[in-house]
C-alpha atoms as a PDB file:
ATOM      1  CA  UNK A   1     113.475 126.971  89.168  1.00  0.00           C
ATOM      2  CA  UNK A   2     109.838 127.261  90.199  1.00  0.00           C
ATOM      3  CA  UNK A   3     108.655 130.767  89.271  1.00  0.00           C
ATOM      4  CA  UNK A   4     104.946 130.561  90.058  1.00  0.00           C
ATOM      5  CA  UNK A   5     101.726 128.662  89.538  1.00  0.00           C
ATOM      6  CA  UNK A   6      98.179 128.885  88.196  1.00  0.00           C
ATOM      7  CA  UNK A   7      94.866 127.120  88.687  1.00  0.00           C
ATOM      8  CA  UNK A   8      91.984 126.662  86.224  1.00  0.00           C
ATOM      9  CA  UNK A   9      88.490 125.475  87.145  1.00  0.00           C
ATOM     10  CA  UNK A  10      86.616 123.294  84.631  1.00  0.00           C
ATOM     11  CA  UNK A  11      82.860 123.866  85.190  1.00  0.00           C
ATOM     12  CA  UNK A  12      80.409 121.375  83.716  1.00  0.00           C
ATOM     13  CA  UNK A  13      78.041 123.863  82.116  1.00  0.00           C
ATOM     14  CA  UNK A  14      80.112 126.952  81.369  1.00  0.00           C
ATOM     15  CA  UNK A  15      83.481 128.059  80.040  1.00  0.00           C
ATOM     16  CA  UNK A  16      86.722 127.528  81.947  1.00  0.00           C
ATOM     17  CA  UNK A  17      87.581 129.893  84.813  1.00  0.00           C
ATOM     18  CA  UNK A  18      91.068 130.969  85.845  1.00  0.00           C
ATOM     19  CA  UNK A  19      90.844 130.767  89.619  1.00  0.00           C
ATOM     20  CA  UNK A  20      94.130 132.561  90.227  1.00  0.00           C
ATOM     21  CA  UNK A  21      97.886 132.806  89.765  1.00  0.00           C
ATOM     22  CA  UNK A  22     100.859 133.216  92.056  1.00  0.00           C
ATOM     23  CA  UNK A  23     104.425 134.271  91.246  1.00  0.00           C
ATOM     24  CA  UNK A  24     107.352 134.119  93.646  1.00  0.00           C
ATOM     25  CA  UNK A  25     108.796 137.293  92.125  1.00  0.00           C
ATOM     26  CA  UNK A  26     107.806 139.871  89.550  1.00  0.00           C
ATOM     27  CA  UNK A  27     106.676 137.262  87.037  1.00  0.00           C
ATOM     28  CA  UNK A  28     103.703 137.584  84.712  1.00  0.00           C
ATOM     29  CA  UNK A  29     102.002 135.241  82.253  1.00  0.00           C
ATOM     30  CA  UNK A  30      98.615 135.286  80.536  1.00  0.00           C
ATOM     31  CA  UNK A  31      96.626 132.069  80.190  1.00  0.00           C
ATOM     32  CA  UNK A  32      95.049 132.816  76.816  1.00  0.00           C
ATOM     33  CA  UNK A  33      92.225 130.785  75.279  1.00  0.00           C
ATOM     34  CA  UNK A  34      94.810 129.193  72.991  1.00  0.00           C
ATOM     35  CA  UNK A  35      97.007 128.160  75.927  1.00  0.00           C
ATOM     36  CA  UNK A  36      93.973 126.747  77.731  1.00  0.00           C
ATOM     37  CA  UNK A  37      92.866 124.786  74.662  1.00  0.00           C
ATOM     38  CA  UNK A  38      96.330 123.214  74.333  1.00  0.00           C
ATOM     39  CA  UNK A  39      96.284 122.310  78.030  1.00  0.00           C
ATOM     40  CA  UNK A  40      92.751 120.903  77.868  1.00  0.00           C
ATOM     41  CA  UNK A  41      93.449 118.756  74.807  1.00  0.00           C
ATOM     42  CA  UNK A  42      96.406 117.124  76.533  1.00  0.00           C
ATOM     43  CA  UNK A  43      94.658 116.705  79.872  1.00  0.00           C
ATOM     44  CA  UNK A  44      91.739 114.970  78.172  1.00  0.00           C
ATOM     45  CA  UNK A  45      94.238 112.135  77.698  1.00  0.00           C
ATOM     46  CA  UNK A  46      96.782 112.554  80.496  1.00  0.00           C
ATOM     47  CA  UNK A  47      96.898 113.619  84.132  1.00  0.00           C
ATOM     48  CA  UNK A  48     100.265 115.364  83.727  1.00  0.00           C
ATOM     49  CA  UNK A  49     101.374 117.599  80.887  1.00  0.00           C
ATOM     50  CA  UNK A  50     104.348 119.776  79.945  1.00  0.00           C
ATOM     51  CA  UNK A  51     103.645 122.723  77.671  1.00  0.00           C
ATOM     52  CA  UNK A  52     106.681 124.680  76.498  1.00  0.00           C
ATOM     53  CA  UNK A  53     106.383 128.391  75.784  1.00  0.00           C
ATOM     54  CA  UNK A  54     108.989 131.052  75.012  1.00  0.00           C
ATOM     55  CA  UNK A  55     108.821 132.378  78.575  1.00  0.00           C
ATOM     56  CA  UNK A  56     108.098 129.375  80.813  1.00  0.00           C
ATOM     57  CA  UNK A  57     107.551 125.634  80.771  1.00  0.00           C
ATOM     58  CA  UNK A  58     104.044 124.952  82.082  1.00  0.00           C
ATOM     59  CA  UNK A  59     103.980 121.693  84.039  1.00  0.00           C
ATOM     60  CA  UNK A  60     100.408 120.877  85.002  1.00  0.00           C
ATOM     61  CA  UNK A  61      98.232 118.229  86.641  1.00  0.00           C
ATOM     62  CA  UNK A  62      94.530 117.613  86.018  1.00  0.00           C
ATOM     63  CA  UNK A  63      92.739 116.721  89.237  1.00  0.00           C
ATOM     64  CA  UNK A  64      89.267 115.219  88.845  1.00  0.00           C
ATOM     65  CA  UNK A  65      86.916 116.117  91.667  1.00  0.00           C
ATOM     66  CA  UNK A  66      85.739 113.273  93.875  1.00  0.00           C
ATOM     67  CA  UNK A  67      83.638 115.281  96.353  1.00  0.00           C
ATOM     68  CA  UNK A  68      80.264 116.977  95.805  1.00  0.00           C
ATOM     69  CA  UNK A  69      82.129 119.574  93.755  1.00  0.00           C
ATOM     70  CA  UNK A  70      81.993 117.127  90.809  1.00  0.00           C
ATOM     71  CA  UNK A  71      78.302 118.048  90.448  1.00  0.00           C
ATOM     72  CA  UNK A  72      79.376 121.554  89.374  1.00  0.00           C
ATOM     73  CA  UNK A  73      82.799 121.020  87.801  1.00  0.00           C
ATOM     74  CA  UNK A  74      84.859 118.123  86.475  1.00  0.00           C
ATOM     75  CA  UNK A  75      87.991 119.296  88.285  1.00  0.00           C
ATOM     76  CA  UNK A  76      90.889 121.738  88.233  1.00  0.00           C
ATOM     77  CA  UNK A  77      94.116 122.097  86.301  1.00  0.00           C
ATOM     78  CA  UNK A  78      96.933 123.106  88.648  1.00  0.00           C
ATOM     79  CA  UNK A  79     100.084 124.182  86.887  1.00  0.00           C
ATOM     80  CA  UNK A  80     103.573 125.429  87.658  1.00  0.00           C
ATOM     81  CA  UNK A  81     105.560 128.058  85.798  1.00  0.00           C
ATOM     82  CA  UNK A  82     109.061 126.623  85.502  1.00  0.00           C
ATOM     83  CA  UNK A  83     112.194 128.052  83.972  1.00  0.00           C
ATOM     84  CA  UNK A  84     112.880 126.512  80.579  1.00  0.00           C
ATOM     85  CA  UNK A  85     114.746 123.195  80.858  1.00  0.00           C
ATOM     86  CA  UNK A  86     113.877 122.813  84.564  1.00  0.00           C
ATOM     87  CA  UNK A  87     113.280 119.159  85.433  1.00  0.00           C
ATOM     88  CA  UNK A  88     109.501 118.826  86.018  1.00  0.00           C
ATOM     89  CA  UNK A  89     109.752 115.328  87.503  1.00  0.00           C
ATOM     90  CA  UNK A  90     110.841 116.637  90.900  1.00  0.00           C
ATOM     91  CA  UNK A  91     107.479 118.414  91.266  1.00  0.00           C
ATOM     92  CA  UNK A  92     105.268 115.525  90.120  1.00  0.00           C
ATOM     93  CA  UNK A  93     104.197 114.070  93.481  1.00  0.00           C
ATOM     94  CA  UNK A  94     103.858 117.387  95.325  1.00  0.00           C
ATOM     95  CA  UNK A  95     101.865 118.975  92.480  1.00  0.00           C
ATOM     96  CA  UNK A  96      99.334 116.163  92.711  1.00  0.00           C
ATOM     97  CA  UNK A  97      99.104 116.573  96.500  1.00  0.00           C
ATOM     98  CA  UNK A  98      98.614 120.325  96.130  1.00  0.00           C
ATOM     99  CA  UNK A  99      95.720 119.846  93.701  1.00  0.00           C
ATOM    100  CA  UNK A 100      94.018 117.465  96.125  1.00  0.00           C
ATOM    101  CA  UNK A 101      94.465 120.014  98.893  1.00  0.00           C
ATOM    102  CA  UNK A 102      92.895 122.780  96.806  1.00  0.00           C
ATOM    103  CA  UNK A 103      89.750 120.711  96.260  1.00  0.00           C
ATOM    104  CA  UNK A 104      88.996 121.214  99.963  1.00  0.00           C
ATOM    105  CA  UNK A 105      88.674 124.981  99.425  1.00  0.00           C
ATOM    106  CA  UNK A 106      85.389 126.756  98.688  1.00  0.00           C
ATOM    107  CA  UNK A 107      86.353 127.187  95.046  1.00  0.00           C
ATOM    108  CA  UNK A 108      82.964 128.387  93.818  1.00  0.00           C
ATOM    109  CA  UNK A 109      82.636 131.274  96.278  1.00  0.00           C
ATOM    110  CA  UNK A 110      86.159 132.622  96.788  1.00  0.00           C
ATOM    111  CA  UNK A 111      87.058 135.749  94.826  1.00  0.00           C
ATOM    112  CA  UNK A 112      90.371 135.766  92.983  1.00  0.00           C
ATOM    113  CA  UNK A 113      92.206 137.695  95.703  1.00  0.00           C
ATOM    114  CA  UNK A 114      91.059 135.226  98.372  1.00  0.00           C
ATOM    115  CA  UNK A 115      91.929 132.246  96.188  1.00  0.00           C
ATOM    116  CA  UNK A 116      95.381 133.615  95.392  1.00  0.00           C
ATOM    117  CA  UNK A 117      96.153 133.694  99.125  1.00  0.00           C
ATOM    118  CA  UNK A 118      95.046 130.054  99.437  1.00  0.00           C
ATOM    119  CA  UNK A 119      97.039 129.116  96.353  1.00  0.00           C
ATOM    120  CA  UNK A 120     100.197 130.841  97.618  1.00  0.00           C
ATOM    121  CA  UNK A 121      99.925 129.083 100.980  1.00  0.00           C
ATOM    122  CA  UNK A 122      99.347 125.701  99.329  1.00  0.00           C
ATOM    123  CA  UNK A 123     102.329 126.069  97.011  1.00  0.00           C
ATOM    124  CA  UNK A 124     104.612 127.218  99.833  1.00  0.00           C
ATOM    125  CA  UNK A 125     103.551 124.382 102.136  1.00  0.00           C
ATOM    126  CA  UNK A 126     103.330 121.508  99.652  1.00  0.00           C
ATOM    127  CA  UNK A 127     105.115 122.159  96.348  1.00  0.00           C
ATOM    128  CA  UNK A 128     108.151 124.181  97.399  1.00  0.00           C
ATOM    129  CA  UNK A 129     109.484 122.187 100.401  1.00  0.00           C
ATOM    130  CA  UNK A 130     111.577 119.728  98.391  1.00  0.00           C
ATOM    131  CA  UNK A 131     113.493 122.612  96.839  1.00  0.00           C
ATOM    132  CA  UNK A 132     114.324 123.678 100.407  1.00  0.00           C
ATOM    133  CA  UNK A 133     116.554 120.613 100.652  1.00  0.00           C
ATOM    134  CA  UNK A 134     118.983 122.308  98.286  1.00  0.00           C
ATOM    135  CA  UNK A 135     119.392 125.155 100.751  1.00  0.00           C
ATOM    136  CA  UNK A 136     120.894 123.995 104.084  1.00  0.00           C
ATOM    137  CA  UNK A 137     120.135 127.377 105.702  1.00  0.00           C
ATOM    138  CA  UNK A 138     116.403 127.024 105.060  1.00  0.00           C
ATOM    139  CA  UNK A 139     116.545 123.424 106.264  1.00  0.00           C
ATOM    140  CA  UNK A 140     118.271 124.568 109.462  1.00  0.00           C
ATOM    141  CA  UNK A 141     115.514 127.112 110.160  1.00  0.00           C
ATOM    142  CA  UNK A 142     112.838 124.451 109.732  1.00  0.00           C
ATOM    143  CA  UNK A 143     114.574 122.130 112.188  1.00  0.00           C
ATOM    144  CA  UNK A 144     115.027 124.968 114.707  1.00  0.00           C
ATOM    145  CA  UNK A 145     111.300 125.700 114.452  1.00  0.00           C
ATOM    146  CA  UNK A 146     110.644 122.041 115.193  1.00  0.00           C
ATOM    147  CA  UNK A 147     112.851 122.178 118.304  1.00  0.00           C
ATOM    148  CA  UNK A 148     110.938 125.232 119.571  1.00  0.00           C
ATOM    149  CA  UNK A 149     107.701 123.270 119.342  1.00  0.00           C
ATOM    150  CA  UNK A 150     109.272 120.260 121.076  1.00  0.00           C
ATOM    151  CA  UNK A 151     110.603 122.375 123.959  1.00  0.00           C
ATOM    152  CA  UNK A 152     107.036 123.108 125.040  1.00  0.00           C
ATOM    153  CA  UNK A 153     106.345 119.378 125.418  1.00  0.00           C
ATOM    154  CA  UNK A 154     107.239 116.777 127.998  1.00  0.00           C
ATOM    155  CA  UNK A 155     110.624 115.397 129.035  1.00  0.00           C
ATOM    156  CA  UNK A 156     110.922 113.095 126.031  1.00  0.00           C
ATOM    157  CA  UNK A 157     110.154 115.929 123.602  1.00  0.00           C
ATOM    158  CA  UNK A 158     112.636 118.266 125.313  1.00  0.00           C
ATOM    159  CA  UNK A 159     115.351 115.602 125.132  1.00  0.00           C
ATOM    160  CA  UNK A 160     114.637 115.206 121.410  1.00  0.00           C
ATOM    161  CA  UNK A 161     114.892 118.974 120.945  1.00  0.00           C
ATOM    162  CA  UNK A 162     118.300 118.974 122.637  1.00  0.00           C
ATOM    163  CA  UNK A 163     119.443 116.101 120.416  1.00  0.00           C
ATOM    164  CA  UNK A 164     118.304 117.950 117.281  1.00  0.00           C
ATOM    165  CA  UNK A 165     120.204 121.085 118.286  1.00  0.00           C
ATOM    166  CA  UNK A 166     123.363 119.031 118.806  1.00  0.00           C
ATOM    167  CA  UNK A 167     122.931 117.405 115.416  1.00  0.00           C
ATOM    168  CA  UNK A 168     122.498 120.835 113.852  1.00  0.00           C
ATOM    169  CA  UNK A 169     125.806 121.873 115.417  1.00  0.00           C
ATOM    170  CA  UNK A 170     127.338 118.852 113.692  1.00  0.00           C
ATOM    171  CA  UNK A 171     125.696 120.060 110.434  1.00  0.00           C
ATOM    172  CA  UNK A 172     123.932 116.768 109.832  1.00  0.00           C
ATOM    173  CA  UNK A 173     121.191 118.626 107.933  1.00  0.00           C
ATOM    174  CA  UNK A 174     123.726 119.429 105.206  1.00  0.00           C
ATOM    175  CA  UNK A 175     123.980 115.694 104.488  1.00  0.00           C
ATOM    176  CA  UNK A 176     120.375 115.710 103.258  1.00  0.00           C
ATOM    177  CA  UNK A 177     121.300 118.210 100.553  1.00  0.00           C
ATOM    178  CA  UNK A 178     124.427 116.223  99.698  1.00  0.00           C
ATOM    179  CA  UNK A 179     122.500 112.970  99.378  1.00  0.00           C
ATOM    180  CA  UNK A 180     119.949 114.672  97.103  1.00  0.00           C
ATOM    181  CA  UNK A 181     122.705 116.125  94.913  1.00  0.00           C
ATOM    182  CA  UNK A 182     124.275 112.682  94.571  1.00  0.00           C
ATOM    183  CA  UNK A 183     120.882 111.145  93.790  1.00  0.00           C
ATOM    184  CA  UNK A 184     120.187 113.715  91.070  1.00  0.00           C
ATOM    185  CA  UNK A 185     123.574 113.006  89.474  1.00  0.00           C
ATOM    186  CA  UNK A 186     122.825 109.287  89.426  1.00  0.00           C
ATOM    187  CA  UNK A 187     119.412 110.044  87.889  1.00  0.00           C
ATOM    188  CA  UNK A 188     121.112 112.021  85.115  1.00  0.00           C
ATOM    189  CA  UNK A 189     123.418 109.062  84.515  1.00  0.00           C
ATOM    190  CA  UNK A 190     120.370 106.744  84.522  1.00  0.00           C
ATOM    191  CA  UNK A 191     121.708 104.835  87.525  1.00  0.00           C
ATOM    192  CA  UNK A 192     118.264 104.636  89.082  1.00  0.00           C
ATOM    193  CA  UNK A 193     119.031 102.041  91.754  1.00  0.00           C
ATOM    194  CA  UNK A 194     121.931 104.112  93.079  1.00  0.00           C
ATOM    195  CA  UNK A 195     119.734 107.225  92.951  1.00  0.00           C
ATOM    196  CA  UNK A 196     117.051 105.453  94.979  1.00  0.00           C
ATOM    197  CA  UNK A 197     119.633 104.516  97.637  1.00  0.00           C
ATOM    198  CA  UNK A 198     120.796 108.130  98.005  1.00  0.00           C
ATOM    199  CA  UNK A 199     117.206 109.375  98.128  1.00  0.00           C
ATOM    200  CA  UNK A 200     116.507 106.770 100.807  1.00  0.00           C
ATOM    201  CA  UNK A 201     119.444 108.010 102.886  1.00  0.00           C
ATOM    202  CA  UNK A 202     118.122 111.564 102.541  1.00  0.00           C
ATOM    203  CA  UNK A 203     114.643 110.357 103.515  1.00  0.00           C
ATOM    204  CA  UNK A 204     115.850 108.526 106.607  1.00  0.00           C
ATOM    205  CA  UNK A 205     117.861 111.515 107.801  1.00  0.00           C
ATOM    206  CA  UNK A 206     114.986 113.900 107.062  1.00  0.00           C
ATOM    207  CA  UNK A 207     112.634 111.711 109.111  1.00  0.00           C
ATOM    208  CA  UNK A 208     115.008 112.014 112.070  1.00  0.00           C
ATOM    209  CA  UNK A 209     115.651 115.749 111.776  1.00  0.00           C
ATOM    210  CA  UNK A 210     112.404 117.112 110.323  1.00  0.00           C
ATOM    211  CA  UNK A 211     109.987 114.393 111.409  1.00  0.00           C
ATOM    212  CA  UNK A 212     108.569 111.427 109.529  1.00  0.00           C
ATOM    213  CA  UNK A 213     105.328 113.307 108.825  1.00  0.00           C
ATOM    214  CA  UNK A 214     107.003 116.427 107.440  1.00  0.00           C
ATOM    215  CA  UNK A 215     106.266 117.363 103.843  1.00  0.00           C
ATOM    216  CA  UNK A 216     109.959 117.220 102.943  1.00  0.00           C
ATOM    217  CA  UNK A 217     110.274 113.654 104.238  1.00  0.00           C
ATOM    218  CA  UNK A 218     107.157 112.565 102.361  1.00  0.00           C
ATOM    219  CA  UNK A 219     108.343 114.172  99.127  1.00  0.00           C
ATOM    220  CA  UNK A 220     111.723 112.490  99.466  1.00  0.00           C
ATOM    221  CA  UNK A 221     109.996 109.145 100.016  1.00  0.00           C
ATOM    222  CA  UNK A 222     108.057 109.733  96.786  1.00  0.00           C
ATOM    223  CA  UNK A 223     111.377 110.248  95.003  1.00  0.00           C
ATOM    224  CA  UNK A 224     112.624 106.947  96.421  1.00  0.00           C
ATOM    225  CA  UNK A 225     109.578 105.066  95.168  1.00  0.00           C
ATOM    226  CA  UNK A 226     109.638 106.718  91.765  1.00  0.00           C
ATOM    227  CA  UNK A 227     113.366 106.045  91.299  1.00  0.00           C
ATOM    228  CA  UNK A 228     112.855 102.390  92.193  1.00  0.00           C
ATOM    229  CA  UNK A 229     110.117 101.808  89.650  1.00  0.00           C
ATOM    230  CA  UNK A 230     111.704 103.763  86.766  1.00  0.00           C
ATOM    231  CA  UNK A 231     113.743 100.779  85.400  1.00  0.00           C
ATOM    232  CA  UNK A 232     110.648  98.566  85.147  1.00  0.00           C
ATOM    233  CA  UNK A 233     108.625 101.295  83.429  1.00  0.00           C
ATOM    234  CA  UNK A 234     111.470 102.012  80.995  1.00  0.00           C
ATOM    235  CA  UNK A 235     111.812  98.306  80.157  1.00  0.00           C
ATOM    236  CA  UNK A 236     108.061  98.030  79.589  1.00  0.00           C
ATOM    237  CA  UNK A 237     108.068 101.183  77.436  1.00  0.00           C
ATOM    238  CA  UNK A 238     111.066 100.109  75.338  1.00  0.00           C
ATOM    239  CA  UNK A 239     109.586  96.646  74.871  1.00  0.00           C
ATOM    240  CA  UNK A 240     106.304  98.162  73.656  1.00  0.00           C
ATOM    241  CA  UNK A 241     108.180 100.410  71.196  1.00  0.00           C
ATOM    242  CA  UNK A 242     110.248  97.472  69.929  1.00  0.00           C
ATOM    243  CA  UNK A 243     107.130  95.342  69.441  1.00  0.00           C
ATOM    244  CA  UNK A 244     105.480  98.265  67.649  1.00  0.00           C
ATOM    245  CA  UNK A 245     108.345  98.450  65.157  1.00  0.00           C
ATOM    246  CA  UNK A 246     108.112  94.690  64.604  1.00  0.00           C
ATOM    247  CA  UNK A 247     104.355  94.917  64.054  1.00  0.00           C
ATOM    248  CA  UNK A 248     104.944  97.713  61.556  1.00  0.00           C
ATOM    249  CA  UNK A 249     107.351  95.530  59.585  1.00  0.00           C
ATOM    250  CA  UNK A 250     104.654  92.872  59.417  1.00  0.00           C
ATOM    251  CA  UNK A 251     102.066  95.468  58.289  1.00  0.00           C
ATOM    252  CA  UNK A 252     100.055  95.008  61.482  1.00  0.00           C
ATOM    253  CA  UNK A 253      99.202  98.683  61.591  1.00  0.00           C
ATOM    254  CA  UNK A 254      96.490  98.621  64.250  1.00  0.00           C
ATOM    255  CA  UNK A 255      98.673  96.526  66.562  1.00  0.00           C
ATOM    256  CA  UNK A 256     101.573  98.936  65.988  1.00  0.00           C
ATOM    257  CA  UNK A 257      99.266 101.833  66.844  1.00  0.00           C
ATOM    258  CA  UNK A 258      98.221 100.211  70.140  1.00  0.00           C
ATOM    259  CA  UNK A 259     101.820  99.510  71.106  1.00  0.00           C
ATOM    260  CA  UNK A 260     103.058 103.026  70.308  1.00  0.00           C
ATOM    261  CA  UNK A 261     100.091 104.406  72.258  1.00  0.00           C
ATOM    262  CA  UNK A 262     101.177 102.281  75.229  1.00  0.00           C
ATOM    263  CA  UNK A 263     104.773 103.503  74.869  1.00  0.00           C
ATOM    264  CA  UNK A 264     103.515 107.092  74.818  1.00  0.00           C
ATOM    265  CA  UNK A 265     101.515 106.660  78.037  1.00  0.00           C
ATOM    266  CA  UNK A 266     104.453 105.043  79.819  1.00  0.00           C
ATOM    267  CA  UNK A 267     106.752 107.884  78.696  1.00  0.00           C
ATOM    268  CA  UNK A 268     104.232 110.315  80.162  1.00  0.00           C
ATOM    269  CA  UNK A 269     104.395 108.458  83.462  1.00  0.00           C
ATOM    270  CA  UNK A 270     108.180 108.788  83.362  1.00  0.00           C
ATOM    271  CA  UNK A 271     107.789 112.536  82.724  1.00  0.00           C
ATOM    272  CA  UNK A 272     109.850 112.073  79.546  1.00  0.00           C
ATOM    273  CA  UNK A 273     107.860 114.380  77.322  1.00  0.00           C
ATOM    274  CA  UNK A 274     110.129 114.179  74.275  1.00  0.00           C
ATOM    275  CA  UNK A 275     109.591 110.404  74.083  1.00  0.00           C
ATOM    276  CA  UNK A 276     105.912 110.844  74.898  1.00  0.00           C
ATOM    277  CA  UNK A 277     105.510 113.182  71.916  1.00  0.00           C
ATOM    278  CA  UNK A 278     107.459 110.894  69.582  1.00  0.00           C
ATOM    279  CA  UNK A 279     105.378 107.813  70.349  1.00  0.00           C
ATOM    280  CA  UNK A 280     102.099 109.754  70.493  1.00  0.00           C
ATOM    281  CA  UNK A 281     102.637 111.189  67.006  1.00  0.00           C
ATOM    282  CA  UNK A 282     103.608 107.776  65.637  1.00  0.00           C
ATOM    283  CA  UNK A 283     100.525 106.230  67.229  1.00  0.00           C
ATOM    284  CA  UNK A 284      98.295 108.958  65.793  1.00  0.00           C
ATOM    285  CA  UNK A 285      99.692 108.518  62.279  1.00  0.00           C
ATOM    286  CA  UNK A 286      99.378 104.742  62.448  1.00  0.00           C
ATOM    287  CA  UNK A 287      95.830 104.924  63.751  1.00  0.00           C
ATOM    288  CA  UNK A 288      94.780 106.993  60.737  1.00  0.00           C
ATOM    289  CA  UNK A 289      96.719 104.742  58.376  1.00  0.00           C
ATOM    290  CA  UNK A 290      95.170 101.605  59.899  1.00  0.00           C
ATOM    291  CA  UNK A 291      91.674 103.019  59.363  1.00  0.00           C
ATOM    292  CA  UNK A 292      92.375 103.823  55.704  1.00  0.00           C
ATOM    293  CA  UNK A 293      94.090 100.460  55.179  1.00  0.00           C
ATOM    294  CA  UNK A 294      91.052  98.659  56.626  1.00  0.00           C
ATOM    295  CA  UNK A 295      88.690 100.546  54.259  1.00  0.00           C
ATOM    296  CA  UNK A 296      90.371  99.120  51.176  1.00  0.00           C
ATOM    297  CA  UNK A 297      90.750  95.525  52.314  1.00  0.00           C
END
């Protein structure tokens, strides 16, 4: 479960600055200098990172500034406080979108109280919507709000509002939750093609009930696309790891290092942090060994 979030600014000519934090309940967590250093070291190499602590799992994204803000700071780290063992992959696309949205704020002049309000609004509007799918009651309220807006429009909009209300009576919105549940089960079983099909059904229905431009529909579409490309990324990762082991047998240490490094990066893209750590540590050890081996040749 998503418990809260934090944002860290990375100025070019001064120390890091914690812009703010937001918790959905009575949560509390201190971003110490040690925590920041661990985050920064990982984000120097990767956009996404998962840092496990005793209290929360910190799933974070490093967003590099592309606007004039890059003249003052390299970017921000936007992170989520997740319950231990929560699947971070479901937040990957929306976390990235939220970080991009925050760049539009006046980050250098907002005080922490002002920023926290902006952060809370951003998280509620962008990061949390996909979790709403699990709750049919929340989904129903969102669709009712859409019908209210449509009723103030023309004849076509009013007809659509009437159709949506009828479909709510038939509890069609519950199917979105059911499709997502089925998709998640298939993901756990590594049946990615089947998962993509269920996510697509949820996406299509969400587009009809919530609107094609709604955040929920867009997040579901991201899940479709990610599910579809997972098999190819896994095959590429496993092939790189296999070739690394073969190179190691042949004492091609630098080649093995490059291949394990590739496998680590692909695991990161898959949000499989246990595999990412395994291949990263192997690559690091082989890189050092290759350097020493080269010295004595």
